[in-house]
Amino acid sequence: GFGSDLDQWRETMNETLLEMARVARHGARAALELPEVETGGRMVALDEQVSDLIEQSLSRYWESECLLLDRVRSTALKNQLRERDDSRLVKRSRVLVLRRR
């Protein structure tokens, strides 16, 4: 499951953000679409994981500028259910905007 891979994901994301910082100009922005995932029976917002990484070890390179939230309905599932109102089809799109220091 994803829970066993969360630490590996954080490590990979840390390396990715370091590489992005290397090639991004100062003041540049990066928009990361990061979903909520279920791990160990609980929901984990990956944008919060990235924000923690930045606070812990990457604040020299990045700052979290804002988090954009939107509710998105799966078109394919909505069509299959003939547009029945079903909250299980709604997910939150989470876009974390970072600014290069």
PDB file of N, CA and C in Angstrom:
ATOM      1  N   GLY A   1       0.804  -1.188   0.000  1.00  0.00           N
ATOM      2  CA  GLY A   1       0.000   0.000   0.000  1.00  0.00           C
ATOM      3  C   GLY A   1       0.848   1.254   0.000  1.00  0.00           C
ATOM      4  N   PHE A   2       0.185   2.362  -0.159  1.00  0.00           N
ATOM      5  CA  PHE A   2       0.883   3.639  -0.224  1.00  0.00           C
ATOM      6  C   PHE A   2       1.531   3.989   1.106  1.00  0.00           C
ATOM      7  N   GLY A   3       0.922   3.561   2.229  1.00  0.00           N
ATOM      8  CA  GLY A   3       1.460   3.881   3.545  1.00  0.00           C
ATOM      9  C   GLY A   3       2.899   3.452   3.706  1.00  0.00           C
ATOM     10  N   SER A   4       3.232   2.259   3.227  1.00  0.00           N
ATOM     11  CA  SER A   4       4.601   1.772   3.339  1.00  0.00           C
ATOM     12  C   SER A   4       5.529   2.549   2.414  1.00  0.00           C
ATOM     13  N   ASP A   5       4.972   3.231   1.432  1.00  0.00           N
ATOM     14  CA  ASP A   5       5.774   3.973   0.470  1.00  0.00           C
ATOM     15  C   ASP A   5       5.828   5.475   0.758  1.00  0.00           C
ATOM     16  N   LEU A   6       5.138   5.949   1.796  1.00  0.00           N
ATOM     17  CA  LEU A   6       5.074   7.383   2.060  1.00  0.00           C
ATOM     18  C   LEU A   6       6.462   7.968   2.337  1.00  0.00           C
ATOM     19  N   ASP A   7       7.274   7.290   3.125  1.00  0.00           N
ATOM     20  CA  ASP A   7       8.624   7.788   3.391  1.00  0.00           C
ATOM     21  C   ASP A   7       9.453   7.838   2.117  1.00  0.00           C
ATOM     22  N   GLN A   8       9.325   6.823   1.279  1.00  0.00           N
ATOM     23  CA  GLN A   8      10.035   6.805  -0.003  1.00  0.00           C
ATOM     24  C   GLN A   8       9.532   7.927  -0.901  1.00  0.00           C
ATOM     25  N   TRP A   9       8.216   8.156  -0.908  1.00  0.00           N
ATOM     26  CA  TRP A   9       7.652   9.235  -1.707  1.00  0.00           C
ATOM     27  C   TRP A   9       8.203  10.582  -1.251  1.00  0.00           C
ATOM     28  N   ARG A  10       8.265  10.777   0.079  1.00  0.00           N
ATOM     29  CA  ARG A  10       8.801  12.035   0.619  1.00  0.00           C
ATOM     30  C   ARG A  10      10.267  12.221   0.208  1.00  0.00           C
ATOM     31  N   GLU A  11      11.037  11.151   0.249  1.00  0.00           N
ATOM     32  CA  GLU A  11      12.447  11.229  -0.138  1.00  0.00           C
ATOM     33  C   GLU A  11      12.574  11.597  -1.620  1.00  0.00           C
ATOM     34  N   THR A  12      11.770  10.946  -2.452  1.00  0.00           N
ATOM     35  CA  THR A  12      11.780  11.245  -3.878  1.00  0.00           C
ATOM     36  C   THR A  12      11.337  12.676  -4.137  1.00  0.00           C
ATOM     37  N   MET A  13      10.303  13.124  -3.444  1.00  0.00           N
ATOM     38  CA  MET A  13       9.816  14.496  -3.621  1.00  0.00           C
ATOM     39  C   MET A  13      10.871  15.501  -3.163  1.00  0.00           C
ATOM     40  N   ASN A  14      11.588  15.190  -2.093  1.00  0.00           N
ATOM     41  CA  ASN A  14      12.663  16.063  -1.621  1.00  0.00           C
ATOM     42  C   ASN A  14      13.722  16.233  -2.718  1.00  0.00           C
ATOM     43  N   GLU A  15      14.135  15.113  -3.322  1.00  0.00           N
ATOM     44  CA  GLU A  15      15.119  15.158  -4.409  1.00  0.00           C
ATOM     45  C   GLU A  15      14.580  15.930  -5.609  1.00  0.00           C
ATOM     46  N   THR A  16      13.304  15.733  -5.915  1.00  0.00           N
ATOM     47  CA  THR A  16      12.675  16.417  -7.044  1.00  0.00           C
ATOM     48  C   THR A  16      12.646  17.928  -6.817  1.00  0.00           C
ATOM     49  N   LEU A  17      12.265  18.337  -5.609  1.00  0.00           N
ATOM     50  CA  LEU A  17      12.207  19.768  -5.309  1.00  0.00           C
ATOM     51  C   LEU A  17      13.594  20.405  -5.315  1.00  0.00           C
ATOM     52  N   LEU A  18      14.605  19.652  -4.893  1.00  0.00           N
ATOM     53  CA  LEU A  18      15.979  20.164  -4.972  1.00  0.00           C
ATOM     54  C   LEU A  18      16.393  20.372  -6.429  1.00  0.00           C
ATOM     55  N   GLU A  19      16.069  19.418  -7.287  1.00  0.00           N
ATOM     56  CA  GLU A  19      16.407  19.546  -8.706  1.00  0.00           C
ATOM     57  C   GLU A  19      15.616  20.692  -9.348  1.00  0.00           C
ATOM     58  N   MET A  20      14.350  20.818  -8.983  1.00  0.00           N
ATOM     59  CA  MET A  20      13.548  21.926  -9.509  1.00  0.00           C
ATOM     60  C   MET A  20      14.144  23.264  -9.074  1.00  0.00           C
ATOM     61  N   ALA A  21      14.617  23.337  -7.836  1.00  0.00           N
ATOM     62  CA  ALA A  21      15.229  24.570  -7.337  1.00  0.00           C
ATOM     63  C   ALA A  21      16.505  24.893  -8.118  1.00  0.00           C
ATOM     64  N   ARG A  22      17.228  23.867  -8.507  1.00  0.00           N
ATOM     65  CA  ARG A  22      18.470  24.072  -9.248  1.00  0.00           C
ATOM     66  C   ARG A  22      18.217  24.729 -10.602  1.00  0.00           C
ATOM     67  N   VAL A  23      17.132  24.347 -11.257  1.00  0.00           N
ATOM     68  CA  VAL A  23      16.873  24.847 -12.616  1.00  0.00           C
ATOM     69  C   VAL A  23      15.901  26.034 -12.661  1.00  0.00           C
ATOM     70  N   ALA A  24      15.216  26.301 -11.563  1.00  0.00           N
ATOM     71  CA  ALA A  24      14.236  27.400 -11.549  1.00  0.00           C
ATOM     72  C   ALA A  24      14.924  28.722 -11.192  1.00  0.00           C
ATOM     73  N   ARG A  25      14.519  29.773 -11.834  1.00  0.00           N
ATOM     74  CA  ARG A  25      15.027  31.101 -11.510  1.00  0.00           C
ATOM     75  C   ARG A  25      14.434  31.577 -10.193  1.00  0.00           C
ATOM     76  N   HIS A  26      15.132  32.475  -9.548  1.00  0.00           N
ATOM     77  CA  HIS A  26      14.593  33.087  -8.332  1.00  0.00           C
ATOM     78  C   HIS A  26      13.293  33.808  -8.670  1.00  0.00           C
ATOM     79  N   GLY A  27      12.279  33.608  -7.861  1.00  0.00           N
ATOM     80  CA  GLY A  27      10.972  34.204  -8.101  1.00  0.00           C
ATOM     81  C   GLY A  27      10.057  33.353  -8.962  1.00  0.00           C
ATOM     82  N   ALA A  28      10.590  32.285  -9.563  1.00  0.00           N
ATOM     83  CA  ALA A  28       9.763  31.389 -10.379  1.00  0.00           C
ATOM     84  C   ALA A  28       8.751  30.665  -9.494  1.00  0.00           C
ATOM     85  N   ARG A  29       7.696  30.214 -10.114  1.00  0.00           N
ATOM     86  CA  ARG A  29       6.665  29.475  -9.376  1.00  0.00           C
ATOM     87  C   ARG A  29       6.513  28.075  -9.953  1.00  0.00           C
ATOM     88  N   ALA A  30       6.134  27.178  -9.083  1.00  0.00           N
ATOM     89  CA  ALA A  30       5.825  25.807  -9.479  1.00  0.00           C
ATOM     90  C   ALA A  30       4.455  25.469  -8.908  1.00  0.00           C
ATOM     91  N   ALA A  31       3.607  24.866  -9.718  1.00  0.00           N
ATOM     92  CA  ALA A  31       2.276  24.434  -9.273  1.00  0.00           C
ATOM     93  C   ALA A  31       2.262  22.912  -9.289  1.00  0.00           C
ATOM     94  N   LEU A  32       2.019  22.326  -8.122  1.00  0.00           N
ATOM     95  CA  LEU A  32       2.027  20.874  -7.971  1.00  0.00           C
ATOM     96  C   LEU A  32       0.625  20.393  -7.613  1.00  0.00           C
ATOM     97  N   GLU A  33       0.054  19.551  -8.463  1.00  0.00           N
ATOM     98  CA  GLU A  33      -1.241  18.962  -8.124  1.00  0.00           C
ATOM     99  C   GLU A  33      -0.965  17.717  -7.295  1.00  0.00           C
ATOM    100  N   LEU A  34      -1.402  17.768  -6.050  1.00  0.00           N
ATOM    101  CA  LEU A  34      -1.089  16.712  -5.082  1.00  0.00           C
ATOM    102  C   LEU A  34      -2.385  16.214  -4.452  1.00  0.00           C
ATOM    103  N   PRO A  35      -2.745  14.966  -4.690  1.00  0.00           N
ATOM    104  CA  PRO A  35      -4.020  14.448  -4.189  1.00  0.00           C
ATOM    105  C   PRO A  35      -3.962  14.090  -2.709  1.00  0.00           C
ATOM    106  N   GLU A  36      -5.116  13.799  -2.179  1.00  0.00           N
ATOM    107  CA  GLU A  36      -5.207  13.156  -0.880  1.00  0.00           C
ATOM    108  C   GLU A  36      -5.164  11.655  -1.149  1.00  0.00           C
ATOM    109  N   VAL A  37      -4.421  10.925  -0.332  1.00  0.00           N
ATOM    110  CA  VAL A  37      -4.336   9.478  -0.499  1.00  0.00           C
ATOM    111  C   VAL A  37      -4.676   8.804   0.825  1.00  0.00           C
ATOM    112  N   GLU A  38      -5.137   7.586   0.717  1.00  0.00           N
ATOM    113  CA  GLU A  38      -5.440   6.829   1.927  1.00  0.00           C
ATOM    114  C   GLU A  38      -4.251   5.947   2.262  1.00  0.00           C
ATOM    115  N   THR A  39      -3.817   6.014   3.493  1.00  0.00           N
ATOM    116  CA  THR A  39      -2.722   5.181   3.968  1.00  0.00           C
ATOM    117  C   THR A  39      -2.971   4.814   5.425  1.00  0.00           C
ATOM    118  N   GLY A  40      -2.869   3.556   5.713  1.00  0.00           N
ATOM    119  CA  GLY A  40      -3.094   3.102   7.082  1.00  0.00           C
ATOM    120  C   GLY A  40      -4.470   3.439   7.614  1.00  0.00           C
ATOM    121  N   GLY A  41      -5.462   3.467   6.733  1.00  0.00           N
ATOM    122  CA  GLY A  41      -6.828   3.756   7.161  1.00  0.00           C
ATOM    123  C   GLY A  41      -7.111   5.229   7.395  1.00  0.00           C
ATOM    124  N   ARG A  42      -6.183   6.099   7.036  1.00  0.00           N
ATOM    125  CA  ARG A  42      -6.417   7.542   7.206  1.00  0.00           C
ATOM    126  C   ARG A  42      -6.055   8.268   5.915  1.00  0.00           C
ATOM    127  N   MET A  43      -6.661   9.424   5.739  1.00  0.00           N
ATOM    128  CA  MET A  43      -6.380  10.233   4.553  1.00  0.00           C
ATOM    129  C   MET A  43      -5.175  11.125   4.835  1.00  0.00           C
ATOM    130  N   VAL A  44      -4.272  11.188   3.861  1.00  0.00           N
ATOM    131  CA  VAL A  44      -3.086  12.022   3.961  1.00  0.00           C
ATOM    132  C   VAL A  44      -3.097  12.996   2.793  1.00  0.00           C
ATOM    133  N   ALA A  45      -3.020  14.281   3.096  1.00  0.00           N
ATOM    134  CA  ALA A  45      -2.953  15.307   2.060  1.00  0.00           C
ATOM    135  C   ALA A  45      -1.487  15.482   1.679  1.00  0.00           C
ATOM    136  N   LEU A  46      -1.151  15.135   0.437  1.00  0.00           N
ATOM    137  CA  LEU A  46       0.242  15.194   0.011  1.00  0.00           C
ATOM    138  C   LEU A  46       0.778  16.621  -0.036  1.00  0.00           C
ATOM    139  N   ASP A  47      -0.105  17.608  -0.219  1.00  0.00           N
ATOM    140  CA  ASP A  47       0.369  18.994  -0.173  1.00  0.00           C
ATOM    141  C   ASP A  47       0.909  19.335   1.210  1.00  0.00           C
ATOM    142  N   GLU A  48       0.316  18.764   2.252  1.00  0.00           N
ATOM    143  CA  GLU A  48       0.817  18.981   3.611  1.00  0.00           C
ATOM    144  C   GLU A  48       2.175  18.316   3.791  1.00  0.00           C
ATOM    145  N   GLN A  49       2.359  17.161   3.162  1.00  0.00           N
ATOM    146  CA  GLN A  49       3.655  16.486   3.220  1.00  0.00           C
ATOM    147  C   GLN A  49       4.738  17.348   2.563  1.00  0.00           C
ATOM    148  N   VAL A  50       4.425  17.936   1.415  1.00  0.00           N
ATOM    149  CA  VAL A  50       5.387  18.796   0.722  1.00  0.00           C
ATOM    150  C   VAL A  50       5.668  20.048   1.550  1.00  0.00           C
ATOM    151  N   SER A  51       4.634  20.641   2.124  1.00  0.00           N
ATOM    152  CA  SER A  51       4.836  21.822   2.970  1.00  0.00           C
ATOM    153  C   SER A  51       5.747  21.496   4.148  1.00  0.00           C
ATOM    154  N   ASP A  52       5.569  20.322   4.745  1.00  0.00           N
ATOM    155  CA  ASP A  52       6.447  19.888   5.836  1.00  0.00           C
ATOM    156  C   ASP A  52       7.888  19.744   5.356  1.00  0.00           C
ATOM    157  N   LEU A  53       8.086  19.141   4.183  1.00  0.00           N
ATOM    158  CA  LEU A  53       9.434  18.998   3.627  1.00  0.00           C
ATOM    159  C   LEU A  53      10.097  20.359   3.448  1.00  0.00           C
ATOM    160  N   ILE A  54       9.331  21.305   2.940  1.00  0.00           N
ATOM    161  CA  ILE A  54       9.875  22.644   2.713  1.00  0.00           C
ATOM    162  C   ILE A  54      10.276  23.278   4.040  1.00  0.00           C
ATOM    163  N   GLU A  55       9.400  23.194   5.036  1.00  0.00           N
ATOM    164  CA  GLU A  55       9.708  23.768   6.350  1.00  0.00           C
ATOM    165  C   GLU A  55      10.925  23.104   6.978  1.00  0.00           C
ATOM    166  N   GLN A  56      11.029  21.785   6.846  1.00  0.00           N
ATOM    167  CA  GLN A  56      12.105  21.036   7.498  1.00  0.00           C
ATOM    168  C   GLN A  56      13.453  21.220   6.823  1.00  0.00           C
ATOM    169  N   SER A  57      13.491  21.223   5.485  1.00  0.00           N
ATOM    170  CA  SER A  57      14.812  21.186   4.858  1.00  0.00           C
ATOM    171  C   SER A  57      14.959  21.968   3.560  1.00  0.00           C
ATOM    172  N   LEU A  58      13.885  22.552   3.052  1.00  0.00           N
ATOM    173  CA  LEU A  58      13.984  23.211   1.752  1.00  0.00           C
ATOM    174  C   LEU A  58      13.591  24.686   1.781  1.00  0.00           C
ATOM    175  N   SER A  59      13.442  25.261   2.968  1.00  0.00           N
ATOM    176  CA  SER A  59      12.982  26.653   3.052  1.00  0.00           C
ATOM    177  C   SER A  59      13.998  27.631   2.466  1.00  0.00           C
ATOM    178  N   ARG A  60      15.218  27.199   2.309  1.00  0.00           N
ATOM    179  CA  ARG A  60      16.237  28.040   1.656  1.00  0.00           C
ATOM    180  C   ARG A  60      15.900  28.230   0.170  1.00  0.00           C
ATOM    181  N   TYR A  61      15.199  27.259  -0.408  1.00  0.00           N
ATOM    182  CA  TYR A  61      14.923  27.261  -1.849  1.00  0.00           C
ATOM    183  C   TYR A  61      13.483  27.616  -2.207  1.00  0.00           C
ATOM    184  N   TRP A  62      12.538  27.163  -1.398  1.00  0.00           N
ATOM    185  CA  TRP A  62      11.119  27.296  -1.735  1.00  0.00           C
ATOM    186  C   TRP A  62      10.331  27.880  -0.578  1.00  0.00           C
ATOM    187  N   GLU A  63       9.234  28.541  -0.934  1.00  0.00           N
ATOM    188  CA  GLU A  63       8.230  28.901   0.060  1.00  0.00           C
ATOM    189  C   GLU A  63       6.866  28.531  -0.510  1.00  0.00           C
ATOM    190  N   SER A  64       5.988  28.062   0.352  1.00  0.00           N
ATOM    191  CA  SER A  64       4.619  27.756  -0.073  1.00  0.00           C
ATOM    192  C   SER A  64       3.888  29.077  -0.211  1.00  0.00           C
ATOM    193  N   GLU A  65       3.379  29.327  -1.405  1.00  0.00           N
ATOM    194  CA  GLU A  65       2.702  30.599  -1.651  1.00  0.00           C
ATOM    195  C   GLU A  65       1.207  30.503  -1.387  1.00  0.00           C
ATOM    196  N   CYS A  66       0.579  29.427  -1.883  1.00  0.00           N
ATOM    197  CA  CYS A  66      -0.850  29.251  -1.639  1.00  0.00           C
ATOM    198  C   CYS A  66      -1.259  27.823  -1.984  1.00  0.00           C
ATOM    199  N   LEU A  67      -2.439  27.463  -1.544  1.00  0.00           N
ATOM    200  CA  LEU A  67      -3.035  26.176  -1.860  1.00  0.00           C
ATOM    201  C   LEU A  67      -4.369  26.447  -2.521  1.00  0.00           C
ATOM    202  N   LEU A  68      -4.544  25.939  -3.737  1.00  0.00           N
ATOM    203  CA  LEU A  68      -5.791  26.102  -4.469  1.00  0.00           C
ATOM    204  C   LEU A  68      -6.603  24.822  -4.331  1.00  0.00           C
ATOM    205  N   LEU A  69      -7.844  24.955  -3.912  1.00  0.00           N
ATOM    206  CA  LEU A  69      -8.729  23.805  -3.739  1.00  0.00           C
ATOM    207  C   LEU A  69      -9.916  23.934  -4.675  1.00  0.00           C
ATOM    208  N   ASP A  70     -10.287  22.803  -5.268  1.00  0.00           N
ATOM    209  CA  ASP A  70     -11.460  22.789  -6.129  1.00  0.00           C
ATOM    210  C   ASP A  70     -12.087  21.414  -6.028  1.00  0.00           C
ATOM    211  N   ARG A  71     -13.383  21.374  -6.075  1.00  0.00           N
ATOM    212  CA  ARG A  71     -14.080  20.091  -6.071  1.00  0.00           C
ATOM    213  C   ARG A  71     -14.284  19.686  -7.520  1.00  0.00           C
ATOM    214  N   VAL A  72     -13.833  18.489  -7.848  1.00  0.00           N
ATOM    215  CA  VAL A  72     -13.890  17.998  -9.222  1.00  0.00           C
ATOM    216  C   VAL A  72     -14.728  16.727  -9.249  1.00  0.00           C
ATOM    217  N   ARG A  73     -15.658  16.657 -10.180  1.00  0.00           N
ATOM    218  CA  ARG A  73     -16.484  15.462 -10.315  1.00  0.00           C
ATOM    219  C   ARG A  73     -15.978  14.676 -11.518  1.00  0.00           C
ATOM    220  N   SER A  74     -15.770  13.394 -11.312  1.00  0.00           N
ATOM    221  CA  SER A  74     -15.325  12.517 -12.383  1.00  0.00           C
ATOM    222  C   SER A  74     -16.402  12.448 -13.468  1.00  0.00           C
ATOM    223  N   THR A  75     -16.082  12.923 -14.651  1.00  0.00           N
ATOM    224  CA  THR A  75     -17.048  12.949 -15.756  1.00  0.00           C
ATOM    225  C   THR A  75     -17.488  11.550 -16.152  1.00  0.00           C
ATOM    226  N   ALA A  76     -16.541  10.631 -16.236  1.00  0.00           N
ATOM    227  CA  ALA A  76     -16.889   9.265 -16.643  1.00  0.00           C
ATOM    228  C   ALA A  76     -17.854   8.633 -15.646  1.00  0.00           C
ATOM    229  N   LEU A  77     -17.567   8.774 -14.366  1.00  0.00           N
ATOM    230  CA  LEU A  77     -18.456   8.175 -13.371  1.00  0.00           C
ATOM    231  C   LEU A  77     -19.801   8.897 -13.325  1.00  0.00           C
ATOM    232  N   LYS A  78     -19.769  10.197 -13.479  1.00  0.00           N
ATOM    233  CA  LYS A  78     -21.015  10.956 -13.482  1.00  0.00           C
ATOM    234  C   LYS A  78     -21.912  10.492 -14.621  1.00  0.00           C
ATOM    235  N   ASN A  79     -21.326  10.271 -15.799  1.00  0.00           N
ATOM    236  CA  ASN A  79     -22.101   9.807 -16.946  1.00  0.00           C
ATOM    237  C   ASN A  79     -22.634   8.399 -16.715  1.00  0.00           C
ATOM    238  N   GLN A  80     -21.840   7.536 -16.105  1.00  0.00           N
ATOM    239  CA  GLN A  80     -22.293   6.166 -15.840  1.00  0.00           C
ATOM    240  C   GLN A  80     -23.482   6.155 -14.894  1.00  0.00           C
ATOM    241  N   LEU A  81     -23.488   7.070 -13.958  1.00  0.00           N
ATOM    242  CA  LEU A  81     -24.582   7.107 -12.986  1.00  0.00           C
ATOM    243  C   LEU A  81     -25.691   8.061 -13.412  1.00  0.00           C
ATOM    244  N   ARG A  82     -25.646   8.506 -14.657  1.00  0.00           N
ATOM    245  CA  ARG A  82     -26.667   9.405 -15.208  1.00  0.00           C
ATOM    246  C   ARG A  82     -26.864  10.643 -14.328  1.00  0.00           C
ATOM    247  N   GLU A  83     -25.714  11.210 -13.920  1.00  0.00           N
ATOM    248  CA  GLU A  83     -25.662  12.455 -13.172  1.00  0.00           C
ATOM    249  C   GLU A  83     -26.383  12.394 -11.832  1.00  0.00           C
ATOM    250  N   ARG A  84     -26.495  11.216 -11.281  1.00  0.00           N
ATOM    251  CA  ARG A  84     -27.047  11.094  -9.941  1.00  0.00           C
ATOM    252  C   ARG A  84     -26.115  11.812  -8.965  1.00  0.00           C
ATOM    253  N   ASP A  85     -26.670  12.517  -7.997  1.00  0.00           N
ATOM    254  CA  ASP A  85     -25.834  13.227  -7.024  1.00  0.00           C
ATOM    255  C   ASP A  85     -25.255  12.203  -6.053  1.00  0.00           C
ATOM    256  N   ASP A  86     -23.962  12.004  -6.125  1.00  0.00           N
ATOM    257  CA  ASP A  86     -23.288  11.019  -5.277  1.00  0.00           C
ATOM    258  C   ASP A  86     -21.964  11.620  -4.816  1.00  0.00           C
ATOM    259  N   SER A  87     -21.879  11.931  -3.543  1.00  0.00           N
ATOM    260  CA  SER A  87     -20.689  12.600  -3.018  1.00  0.00           C
ATOM    261  C   SER A  87     -19.440  11.735  -3.120  1.00  0.00           C
ATOM    262  N   ARG A  88     -19.587  10.428  -3.332  1.00  0.00           N
ATOM    263  CA  ARG A  88     -18.407   9.571  -3.481  1.00  0.00           C
ATOM    264  C   ARG A  88     -17.651   9.882  -4.769  1.00  0.00           C
ATOM    265  N   LEU A  89     -18.305  10.536  -5.713  1.00  0.00           N
ATOM    266  CA  LEU A  89     -17.658  10.856  -6.979  1.00  0.00           C
ATOM    267  C   LEU A  89     -16.860  12.156  -6.909  1.00  0.00           C
ATOM    268  N   VAL A  90     -17.030  12.901  -5.843  1.00  0.00           N
ATOM    269  CA  VAL A  90     -16.389  14.199  -5.739  1.00  0.00           C
ATOM    270  C   VAL A  90     -15.049  14.033  -5.034  1.00  0.00           C
ATOM    271  N   LYS A  91     -14.016  14.575  -5.659  1.00  0.00           N
ATOM    272  CA  LYS A  91     -12.719  14.590  -5.008  1.00  0.00           C
ATOM    273  C   LYS A  91     -12.253  16.034  -4.978  1.00  0.00           C
ATOM    274  N   ARG A  92     -11.324  16.309  -4.137  1.00  0.00           N
ATOM    275  CA  ARG A  92     -10.789  17.654  -4.068  1.00  0.00           C
ATOM    276  C   ARG A  92      -9.505  17.715  -4.861  1.00  0.00           C
ATOM    277  N   SER A  93      -9.461  18.612  -5.791  1.00  0.00           N
ATOM    278  CA  SER A  93      -8.239  18.886  -6.515  1.00  0.00           C
ATOM    279  C   SER A  93      -7.445  19.867  -5.657  1.00  0.00           C
ATOM    280  N   ARG A  94      -6.196  19.530  -5.340  1.00  0.00           N
ATOM    281  CA  ARG A  94      -5.363  20.351  -4.463  1.00  0.00           C
ATOM    282  C   ARG A  94      -4.099  20.727  -5.232  1.00  0.00           C
ATOM    283  N   VAL A  95      -3.908  22.014  -5.445  1.00  0.00           N
ATOM    284  CA  VAL A  95      -2.739  22.501  -6.172  1.00  0.00           C
ATOM    285  C   VAL A  95      -1.952  23.406  -5.235  1.00  0.00           C
ATOM    286  N   LEU A  96      -0.737  22.974  -4.911  1.00  0.00           N
ATOM    287  CA  LEU A  96       0.152  23.744  -4.054  1.00  0.00           C
ATOM    288  C   LEU A  96       1.046  24.598  -4.948  1.00  0.00           C
ATOM    289  N   VAL A  97       1.040  25.891  -4.721  1.00  0.00           N
ATOM    290  CA  VAL A  97       1.875  26.814  -5.500  1.00  0.00           C
ATOM    291  C   VAL A  97       3.091  27.185  -4.647  1.00  0.00           C
ATOM    292  N   LEU A  98       4.258  26.918  -5.206  1.00  0.00           N
ATOM    293  CA  LEU A  98       5.521  27.224  -4.534  1.00  0.00           C
ATOM    294  C   LEU A  98       6.217  28.367  -5.259  1.00  0.00           C
ATOM    295  N   ARG A  99       6.965  29.157  -4.511  1.00  0.00           N
ATOM    296  CA  ARG A  99       7.751  30.236  -5.113  1.00  0.00           C
ATOM    297  C   ARG A  99       9.219  29.984  -4.789  1.00  0.00           C
ATOM    298  N   ARG A 100      10.056  30.085  -5.807  1.00  0.00           N
ATOM    299  CA  ARG A 100      11.505  29.890  -5.646  1.00  0.00           C
ATOM    300  C   ARG A 100      12.090  31.129  -4.974  1.00  0.00           C
ATOM    301  N   ARG A 101      12.819  30.905  -3.914  1.00  0.00           N
ATOM    302  CA  ARG A 101      13.481  32.029  -3.209  1.00  0.00           C
ATOM    303  C   ARG A 101      14.718  32.457  -3.940  1.00  0.00           C
TER     304      ARG A 101
END
